[in-house]
């Protein structure tokens, strides 16, 4: 695992799109933003799906990890 902007990278290029969506529902908006087809193409890895759907794999991965990092931060925040 590597760190992106101080956030530990949990999702990897080899992670499967549908599994990621089930585990981290907050990533739905990111996949939609990048035009990733999770319906018919959700069994692919994030890297393969990005290439297939014309998205930058590294930018997608960074955005996904940022989304779950923000969600984890919100969960851990004391109000």
PDB file of N, CA and C in Angstrom:
ATOM      1  N   UNK A   1       0.829  -1.188   0.000  1.00  0.00           N
ATOM      2  CA  UNK A   1       0.000   0.000   0.000  1.00  0.00           C
ATOM      3  C   UNK A   1       0.868   1.244   0.000  1.00  0.00           C
ATOM      4  N   UNK A   2       0.404   2.247  -0.722  1.00  0.00           N
ATOM      5  CA  UNK A   2       1.121   3.508  -0.737  1.00  0.00           C
ATOM      6  C   UNK A   2       0.219   4.603  -0.217  1.00  0.00           C
ATOM      7  N   UNK A   3       0.790   5.763  -0.015  1.00  0.00           N
ATOM      8  CA  UNK A   3       0.001   6.883   0.491  1.00  0.00           C
ATOM      9  C   UNK A   3      -0.176   7.924  -0.602  1.00  0.00           C
ATOM     10  N   UNK A   4      -1.384   8.434  -0.715  1.00  0.00           N
ATOM     11  CA  UNK A   4      -1.702   9.499  -1.650  1.00  0.00           C
ATOM     12  C   UNK A   4      -2.229  10.649  -0.815  1.00  0.00           C
ATOM     13  N   UNK A   5      -1.531  11.759  -0.817  1.00  0.00           N
ATOM     14  CA  UNK A   5      -1.967  12.936  -0.050  1.00  0.00           C
ATOM     15  C   UNK A   5      -2.247  12.591   1.404  1.00  0.00           C
ATOM     16  N   UNK A   6      -1.423  11.726   1.984  1.00  0.00           N
ATOM     17  CA  UNK A   6      -1.594  11.389   3.387  1.00  0.00           C
ATOM     18  C   UNK A   6      -2.673  10.360   3.649  1.00  0.00           C
ATOM     19  N   UNK A   7      -3.307   9.842   2.605  1.00  0.00           N
ATOM     20  CA  UNK A   7      -4.351   8.837   2.752  1.00  0.00           C
ATOM     21  C   UNK A   7      -3.762   7.500   2.343  1.00  0.00           C
ATOM     22  N   UNK A   8      -3.921   6.500   3.181  1.00  0.00           N
ATOM     23  CA  UNK A   8      -3.411   5.175   2.852  1.00  0.00           C
ATOM     24  C   UNK A   8      -4.250   4.585   1.734  1.00  0.00           C
ATOM     25  N   UNK A   9      -3.600   4.102   0.711  1.00  0.00           N
ATOM     26  CA  UNK A   9      -4.289   3.520  -0.435  1.00  0.00           C
ATOM     27  C   UNK A   9      -4.806   2.143  -0.066  1.00  0.00           C
ATOM     28  N   UNK A  10      -6.118   1.994  -0.096  1.00  0.00           N
ATOM     29  CA  UNK A  10      -6.761   0.735   0.254  1.00  0.00           C
ATOM     30  C   UNK A  10      -7.203   0.020  -1.013  1.00  0.00           C
ATOM     31  N   UNK A  11      -7.738   0.776  -1.954  1.00  0.00           N
ATOM     32  CA  UNK A  11      -8.179   0.213  -3.220  1.00  0.00           C
ATOM     33  C   UNK A  11      -6.962   0.171  -4.139  1.00  0.00           C
ATOM     34  N   UNK A  12      -6.796  -0.940  -4.840  1.00  0.00           N
ATOM     35  CA  UNK A  12      -5.649  -1.121  -5.722  1.00  0.00           C
ATOM     36  C   UNK A  12      -6.112  -1.293  -7.158  1.00  0.00           C
ATOM     37  N   UNK A  13      -5.198  -1.171  -8.098  1.00  0.00           N
ATOM     38  CA  UNK A  13      -5.538  -1.330  -9.514  1.00  0.00           C
ATOM     39  C   UNK A  13      -6.145  -2.694  -9.806  1.00  0.00           C
ATOM     40  N   UNK A  14      -5.735  -3.695  -9.051  1.00  0.00           N
ATOM     41  CA  UNK A  14      -6.237  -5.050  -9.285  1.00  0.00           C
ATOM     42  C   UNK A  14      -7.579  -5.312  -8.593  1.00  0.00           C
ATOM     43  N   UNK A  15      -8.054  -4.362  -7.784  1.00  0.00           N
ATOM     44  CA  UNK A  15      -9.355  -4.525  -7.123  1.00  0.00           C
ATOM     45  C   UNK A  15     -10.445  -4.617  -8.181  1.00  0.00           C
ATOM     46  N   UNK A  16     -11.453  -5.428  -7.916  1.00  0.00           N
ATOM     47  CA  UNK A  16     -12.562  -5.624  -8.848  1.00  0.00           C
ATOM     48  C   UNK A  16     -13.604  -4.527  -8.631  1.00  0.00           C
ATOM     49  N   UNK A  17     -14.119  -3.982  -9.719  1.00  0.00           N
ATOM     50  CA  UNK A  17     -15.060  -2.864  -9.653  1.00  0.00           C
ATOM     51  C   UNK A  17     -16.253  -3.195  -8.766  1.00  0.00           C
ATOM     52  N   UNK A  18     -16.966  -4.287  -9.039  1.00  0.00           N
ATOM     53  CA  UNK A  18     -18.172  -4.605  -8.260  1.00  0.00           C
ATOM     54  C   UNK A  18     -17.867  -4.870  -6.787  1.00  0.00           C
ATOM     55  N   UNK A  19     -16.760  -5.513  -6.504  1.00  0.00           N
ATOM     56  CA  UNK A  19     -16.380  -5.769  -5.116  1.00  0.00           C
ATOM     57  C   UNK A  19     -16.099  -4.447  -4.401  1.00  0.00           C
ATOM     58  N   UNK A  20     -15.440  -3.541  -5.094  1.00  0.00           N
ATOM     59  CA  UNK A  20     -15.149  -2.224  -4.523  1.00  0.00           C
ATOM     60  C   UNK A  20     -16.439  -1.475  -4.231  1.00  0.00           C
ATOM     61  N   UNK A  21     -17.390  -1.527  -5.152  1.00  0.00           N
ATOM     62  CA  UNK A  21     -18.679  -0.857  -4.951  1.00  0.00           C
ATOM     63  C   UNK A  21     -19.442  -1.427  -3.755  1.00  0.00           C
ATOM     64  N   UNK A  22     -19.387  -2.741  -3.608  1.00  0.00           N
ATOM     65  CA  UNK A  22     -20.072  -3.367  -2.460  1.00  0.00           C
ATOM     66  C   UNK A  22     -19.398  -2.984  -1.141  1.00  0.00           C
ATOM     67  N   UNK A  23     -18.090  -2.985  -1.138  1.00  0.00           N
ATOM     68  CA  UNK A  23     -17.344  -2.704   0.087  1.00  0.00           C
ATOM     69  C   UNK A  23     -17.346  -1.212   0.423  1.00  0.00           C
ATOM     70  N   UNK A  24     -17.321  -0.376  -0.588  1.00  0.00           N
ATOM     71  CA  UNK A  24     -17.248   1.079  -0.396  1.00  0.00           C
ATOM     72  C   UNK A  24     -18.307   1.760  -1.268  1.00  0.00           C
ATOM     73  N   UNK A  25     -19.567   1.778  -0.848  1.00  0.00           N
ATOM     74  CA  UNK A  25     -20.631   2.364  -1.668  1.00  0.00           C
ATOM     75  C   UNK A  25     -20.381   3.824  -2.035  1.00  0.00           C
ATOM     76  N   UNK A  26     -19.586   4.523  -1.244  1.00  0.00           N
ATOM     77  CA  UNK A  26     -19.296   5.922  -1.527  1.00  0.00           C
ATOM     78  C   UNK A  26     -18.470   6.098  -2.807  1.00  0.00           C
ATOM     79  N   UNK A  27     -17.966   5.018  -3.377  1.00  0.00           N
ATOM     80  CA  UNK A  27     -17.200   5.112  -4.619  1.00  0.00           C
ATOM     81  C   UNK A  27     -18.093   5.165  -5.857  1.00  0.00           C
ATOM     82  N   UNK A  28     -19.387   4.955  -5.686  1.00  0.00           N
ATOM     83  CA  UNK A  28     -20.304   4.966  -6.827  1.00  0.00           C
ATOM     84  C   UNK A  28     -20.179   6.253  -7.633  1.00  0.00           C
ATOM     85  N   UNK A  29     -20.183   7.382  -6.954  1.00  0.00           N
ATOM     86  CA  UNK A  29     -20.101   8.677  -7.643  1.00  0.00           C
ATOM     87  C   UNK A  29     -18.789   8.806  -8.419  1.00  0.00           C
ATOM     88  N   UNK A  30     -17.709   8.266  -7.886  1.00  0.00           N
ATOM     89  CA  UNK A  30     -16.411   8.351  -8.564  1.00  0.00           C
ATOM     90  C   UNK A  30     -16.433   7.513  -9.837  1.00  0.00           C
ATOM     91  N   UNK A  31     -16.935   6.290  -9.739  1.00  0.00           N
ATOM     92  CA  UNK A  31     -17.021   5.453 -10.942  1.00  0.00           C
ATOM     93  C   UNK A  31     -17.888   6.134 -11.997  1.00  0.00           C
ATOM     94  N   UNK A  32     -18.997   6.731 -11.581  1.00  0.00           N
ATOM     95  CA  UNK A  32     -19.876   7.438 -12.518  1.00  0.00           C
ATOM     96  C   UNK A  32     -19.149   8.630 -13.147  1.00  0.00           C
ATOM     97  N   UNK A  33     -18.426   9.385 -12.327  1.00  0.00           N
ATOM     98  CA  UNK A  33     -17.704  10.563 -12.811  1.00  0.00           C
ATOM     99  C   UNK A  33     -16.695  10.186 -13.897  1.00  0.00           C
ATOM    100  N   UNK A  34     -16.061   9.023 -13.738  1.00  0.00           N
ATOM    101  CA  UNK A  34     -15.053   8.583 -14.696  1.00  0.00           C
ATOM    102  C   UNK A  34     -15.643   7.763 -15.844  1.00  0.00           C
ATOM    103  N   UNK A  35     -16.968   7.554 -15.832  1.00  0.00           N
ATOM    104  CA  UNK A  35     -17.636   6.820 -16.910  1.00  0.00           C
ATOM    105  C   UNK A  35     -17.368   5.333 -16.911  1.00  0.00           C
ATOM    106  N   UNK A  36     -17.146   4.766 -15.727  1.00  0.00           N
ATOM    107  CA  UNK A  36     -16.855   3.336 -15.626  1.00  0.00           C
ATOM    108  C   UNK A  36     -18.166   2.552 -15.614  1.00  0.00           C
ATOM    109  N   UNK A  37     -18.289   1.586 -16.515  1.00  0.00           N
ATOM    110  CA  UNK A  37     -19.476   0.741 -16.614  1.00  0.00           C
ATOM    111  C   UNK A  37     -19.386  -0.363 -15.567  1.00  0.00           C
ATOM    112  N   UNK A  38     -20.124  -0.176 -14.480  1.00  0.00           N
ATOM    113  CA  UNK A  38     -20.111  -1.171 -13.407  1.00  0.00           C
ATOM    114  C   UNK A  38     -21.208  -2.207 -13.604  1.00  0.00           C
ATOM    115  N   UNK A  39     -22.146  -1.930 -14.466  1.00  0.00           N
ATOM    116  CA  UNK A  39     -23.261  -2.847 -14.689  1.00  0.00           C
ATOM    117  C   UNK A  39     -22.782  -4.092 -15.444  1.00  0.00           C
ATOM    118  N   UNK A  40     -22.401  -3.900 -16.668  1.00  0.00           N
ATOM    119  CA  UNK A  40     -21.995  -5.033 -17.503  1.00  0.00           C
ATOM    120  C   UNK A  40     -20.504  -5.333 -17.403  1.00  0.00           C
ATOM    121  N   UNK A  41     -19.728  -4.352 -16.954  1.00  0.00           N
ATOM    122  CA  UNK A  41     -18.284  -4.528 -16.921  1.00  0.00           C
ATOM    123  C   UNK A  41     -17.711  -4.545 -15.523  1.00  0.00           C
ATOM    124  N   UNK A  42     -18.559  -4.777 -14.524  1.00  0.00           N
ATOM    125  CA  UNK A  42     -18.135  -4.697 -13.136  1.00  0.00           C
ATOM    126  C   UNK A  42     -17.265  -5.829 -12.641  1.00  0.00           C
ATOM    127  N   UNK A  43     -17.125  -6.882 -13.428  1.00  0.00           N
ATOM    128  CA  UNK A  43     -16.288  -8.008 -13.003  1.00  0.00           C
ATOM    129  C   UNK A  43     -14.817  -7.777 -13.333  1.00  0.00           C
ATOM    130  N   UNK A  44     -14.518  -6.648 -13.961  1.00  0.00           N
ATOM    131  CA  UNK A  44     -13.146  -6.333 -14.358  1.00  0.00           C
ATOM    132  C   UNK A  44     -12.399  -5.652 -13.214  1.00  0.00           C
ATOM    133  N   UNK A  45     -11.083  -5.687 -13.310  1.00  0.00           N
ATOM    134  CA  UNK A  45     -10.275  -4.941 -12.350  1.00  0.00           C
ATOM    135  C   UNK A  45     -10.457  -3.451 -12.612  1.00  0.00           C
ATOM    136  N   UNK A  46     -10.139  -2.630 -11.637  1.00  0.00           N
ATOM    137  CA  UNK A  46     -10.245  -1.183 -11.799  1.00  0.00           C
ATOM    138  C   UNK A  46      -9.346  -0.723 -12.941  1.00  0.00           C
ATOM    139  N   UNK A  47      -8.151  -1.247 -13.036  1.00  0.00           N
ATOM    140  CA  UNK A  47      -7.232  -0.877 -14.109  1.00  0.00           C
ATOM    141  C   UNK A  47      -7.823  -1.234 -15.467  1.00  0.00           C
ATOM    142  N   UNK A  48      -8.305  -2.466 -15.624  1.00  0.00           N
ATOM    143  CA  UNK A  48      -8.865  -2.903 -16.904  1.00  0.00           C
ATOM    144  C   UNK A  48     -10.119  -2.114 -17.264  1.00  0.00           C
ATOM    145  N   UNK A  49     -10.973  -1.838 -16.272  1.00  0.00           N
ATOM    146  CA  UNK A  49     -12.196  -1.082 -16.523  1.00  0.00           C
ATOM    147  C   UNK A  49     -11.866   0.346 -16.961  1.00  0.00           C
ATOM    148  N   UNK A  50     -10.869   0.943 -16.335  1.00  0.00           N
ATOM    149  CA  UNK A  50     -10.476   2.303 -16.702  1.00  0.00           C
ATOM    150  C   UNK A  50      -9.982   2.343 -18.144  1.00  0.00           C
ATOM    151  N   UNK A  51      -9.125   1.435 -18.502  1.00  0.00           N
ATOM    152  CA  UNK A  51      -8.600   1.388 -19.869  1.00  0.00           C
ATOM    153  C   UNK A  51      -9.740   1.130 -20.853  1.00  0.00           C
ATOM    154  N   UNK A  52     -10.588   0.182 -20.534  1.00  0.00           N
ATOM    155  CA  UNK A  52     -11.711  -0.167 -21.404  1.00  0.00           C
ATOM    156  C   UNK A  52     -12.643   1.019 -21.641  1.00  0.00           C
ATOM    157  N   UNK A  53     -12.892   1.799 -20.571  1.00  0.00           N
ATOM    158  CA  UNK A  53     -13.866   2.886 -20.652  1.00  0.00           C
ATOM    159  C   UNK A  53     -13.233   4.254 -20.905  1.00  0.00           C
ATOM    160  N   UNK A  54     -11.929   4.279 -21.207  1.00  0.00           N
ATOM    161  CA  UNK A  54     -11.262   5.509 -21.609  1.00  0.00           C
ATOM    162  C   UNK A  54     -10.916   6.461 -20.475  1.00  0.00           C
ATOM    163  N   UNK A  55     -10.740   5.938 -19.276  1.00  0.00           N
ATOM    164  CA  UNK A  55     -10.367   6.771 -18.127  1.00  0.00           C
ATOM    165  C   UNK A  55      -8.893   6.553 -17.792  1.00  0.00           C
ATOM    166  N   UNK A  56      -8.302   7.527 -17.138  1.00  0.00           N
ATOM    167  CA  UNK A  56      -6.919   7.417 -16.674  1.00  0.00           C
ATOM    168  C   UNK A  56      -6.913   6.510 -15.439  1.00  0.00           C
ATOM    169  N   UNK A  57      -6.293   5.327 -15.522  1.00  0.00           N
ATOM    170  CA  UNK A  57      -6.330   4.391 -14.395  1.00  0.00           C
ATOM    171  C   UNK A  57      -5.795   4.977 -13.085  1.00  0.00           C
ATOM    172  N   UNK A  58      -4.701   5.729 -13.144  1.00  0.00           N
ATOM    173  CA  UNK A  58      -4.120   6.275 -11.912  1.00  0.00           C
ATOM    174  C   UNK A  58      -5.002   7.370 -11.329  1.00  0.00           C
ATOM    175  N   UNK A  59      -5.588   8.204 -12.168  1.00  0.00           N
ATOM    176  CA  UNK A  59      -6.487   9.257 -11.680  1.00  0.00           C
ATOM    177  C   UNK A  59      -7.726   8.644 -11.032  1.00  0.00           C
ATOM    178  N   UNK A  60      -8.256   7.592 -11.654  1.00  0.00           N
ATOM    179  CA  UNK A  60      -9.418   6.897 -11.084  1.00  0.00           C
ATOM    180  C   UNK A  60      -9.062   6.307  -9.735  1.00  0.00           C
ATOM    181  N   UNK A  61      -7.941   5.620  -9.659  1.00  0.00           N
ATOM    182  CA  UNK A  61      -7.510   4.996  -8.412  1.00  0.00           C
ATOM    183  C   UNK A  61      -7.321   6.035  -7.311  1.00  0.00           C
ATOM    184  N   UNK A  62      -6.707   7.146  -7.648  1.00  0.00           N
ATOM    185  CA  UNK A  62      -6.502   8.220  -6.669  1.00  0.00           C
ATOM    186  C   UNK A  62      -7.837   8.770  -6.177  1.00  0.00           C
ATOM    187  N   UNK A  63      -8.770   8.996  -7.093  1.00  0.00           N
ATOM    188  CA  UNK A  63     -10.079   9.535  -6.724  1.00  0.00           C
ATOM    189  C   UNK A  63     -10.859   8.550  -5.852  1.00  0.00           C
ATOM    190  N   UNK A  64     -10.759   7.262  -6.156  1.00  0.00           N
ATOM    191  CA  UNK A  64     -11.444   6.248  -5.348  1.00  0.00           C
ATOM    192  C   UNK A  64     -10.896   6.227  -3.924  1.00  0.00           C
ATOM    193  N   UNK A  65      -9.577   6.226  -3.805  1.00  0.00           N
ATOM    194  CA  UNK A  65      -8.966   6.193  -2.477  1.00  0.00           C
ATOM    195  C   UNK A  65      -9.231   7.485  -1.715  1.00  0.00           C
ATOM    196  N   UNK A  66      -9.287   8.595  -2.414  1.00  0.00           N
ATOM    197  CA  UNK A  66      -9.632   9.858  -1.774  1.00  0.00           C
ATOM    198  C   UNK A  66     -11.066   9.804  -1.246  1.00  0.00           C
ATOM    199  N   UNK A  67     -11.981   9.252  -2.040  1.00  0.00           N
ATOM    200  CA  UNK A  67     -13.386   9.156  -1.623  1.00  0.00           C
ATOM    201  C   UNK A  67     -13.550   8.305  -0.371  1.00  0.00           C
ATOM    202  N   UNK A  68     -12.864   7.171  -0.319  1.00  0.00           N
ATOM    203  CA  UNK A  68     -13.020   6.338   0.882  1.00  0.00           C
ATOM    204  C   UNK A  68     -12.237   6.916   2.047  1.00  0.00           C
ATOM    205  N   UNK A  69     -11.163   7.638   1.756  1.00  0.00           N
ATOM    206  CA  UNK A  69     -10.405   8.305   2.815  1.00  0.00           C
ATOM    207  C   UNK A  69     -11.231   9.384   3.475  1.00  0.00           C
ATOM    208  N   UNK A  70     -11.966  10.154   2.670  1.00  0.00           N
ATOM    209  CA  UNK A  70     -12.835  11.197   3.211  1.00  0.00           C
ATOM    210  C   UNK A  70     -13.957  10.580   4.021  1.00  0.00           C
ATOM    211  N   UNK A  71     -14.509   9.477   3.539  1.00  0.00           N
ATOM    212  CA  UNK A  71     -15.586   8.795   4.261  1.00  0.00           C
ATOM    213  C   UNK A  71     -15.061   8.272   5.596  1.00  0.00           C
ATOM    214  N   UNK A  72     -13.869   7.679   5.584  1.00  0.00           N
ATOM    215  CA  UNK A  72     -13.288   7.170   6.818  1.00  0.00           C
ATOM    216  C   UNK A  72     -12.993   8.310   7.777  1.00  0.00           C
ATOM    217  N   UNK A  73     -12.547   9.444   7.266  1.00  0.00           N
ATOM    218  CA  UNK A  73     -12.274  10.604   8.117  1.00  0.00           C
ATOM    219  C   UNK A  73     -13.557  11.125   8.760  1.00  0.00           C
ATOM    220  N   UNK A  74     -14.641  11.173   7.975  1.00  0.00           N
ATOM    221  CA  UNK A  74     -15.928  11.627   8.506  1.00  0.00           C
ATOM    222  C   UNK A  74     -16.418  10.686   9.594  1.00  0.00           C
ATOM    223  N   UNK A  75     -16.202   9.393   9.416  1.00  0.00           N
ATOM    224  CA  UNK A  75     -16.642   8.406  10.395  1.00  0.00           C
ATOM    225  C   UNK A  75     -15.871   8.540  11.699  1.00  0.00           C
ATOM    226  N   UNK A  76     -14.586   8.871  11.603  1.00  0.00           N
ATOM    227  CA  UNK A  76     -13.723   8.961  12.781  1.00  0.00           C
ATOM    228  C   UNK A  76     -13.762  10.326  13.452  1.00  0.00           C
ATOM    229  N   UNK A  77     -14.438  11.286  12.848  1.00  0.00           N
ATOM    230  CA  UNK A  77     -14.467  12.646  13.369  1.00  0.00           C
ATOM    231  C   UNK A  77     -15.336  12.728  14.628  1.00  0.00           C
ATOM    232  N   UNK A  78     -14.853  13.398  15.652  1.00  0.00           N
ATOM    233  CA  UNK A  78     -15.610  13.596  16.879  1.00  0.00           C
ATOM    234  C   UNK A  78     -16.324  14.933  16.771  1.00  0.00           C
ATOM    235  N   UNK A  79     -17.615  14.908  17.040  1.00  0.00           N
ATOM    236  CA  UNK A  79     -18.404  16.132  16.914  1.00  0.00           C
ATOM    237  C   UNK A  79     -18.658  16.717  18.282  1.00  0.00           C
TER     238      UNK A  79
END
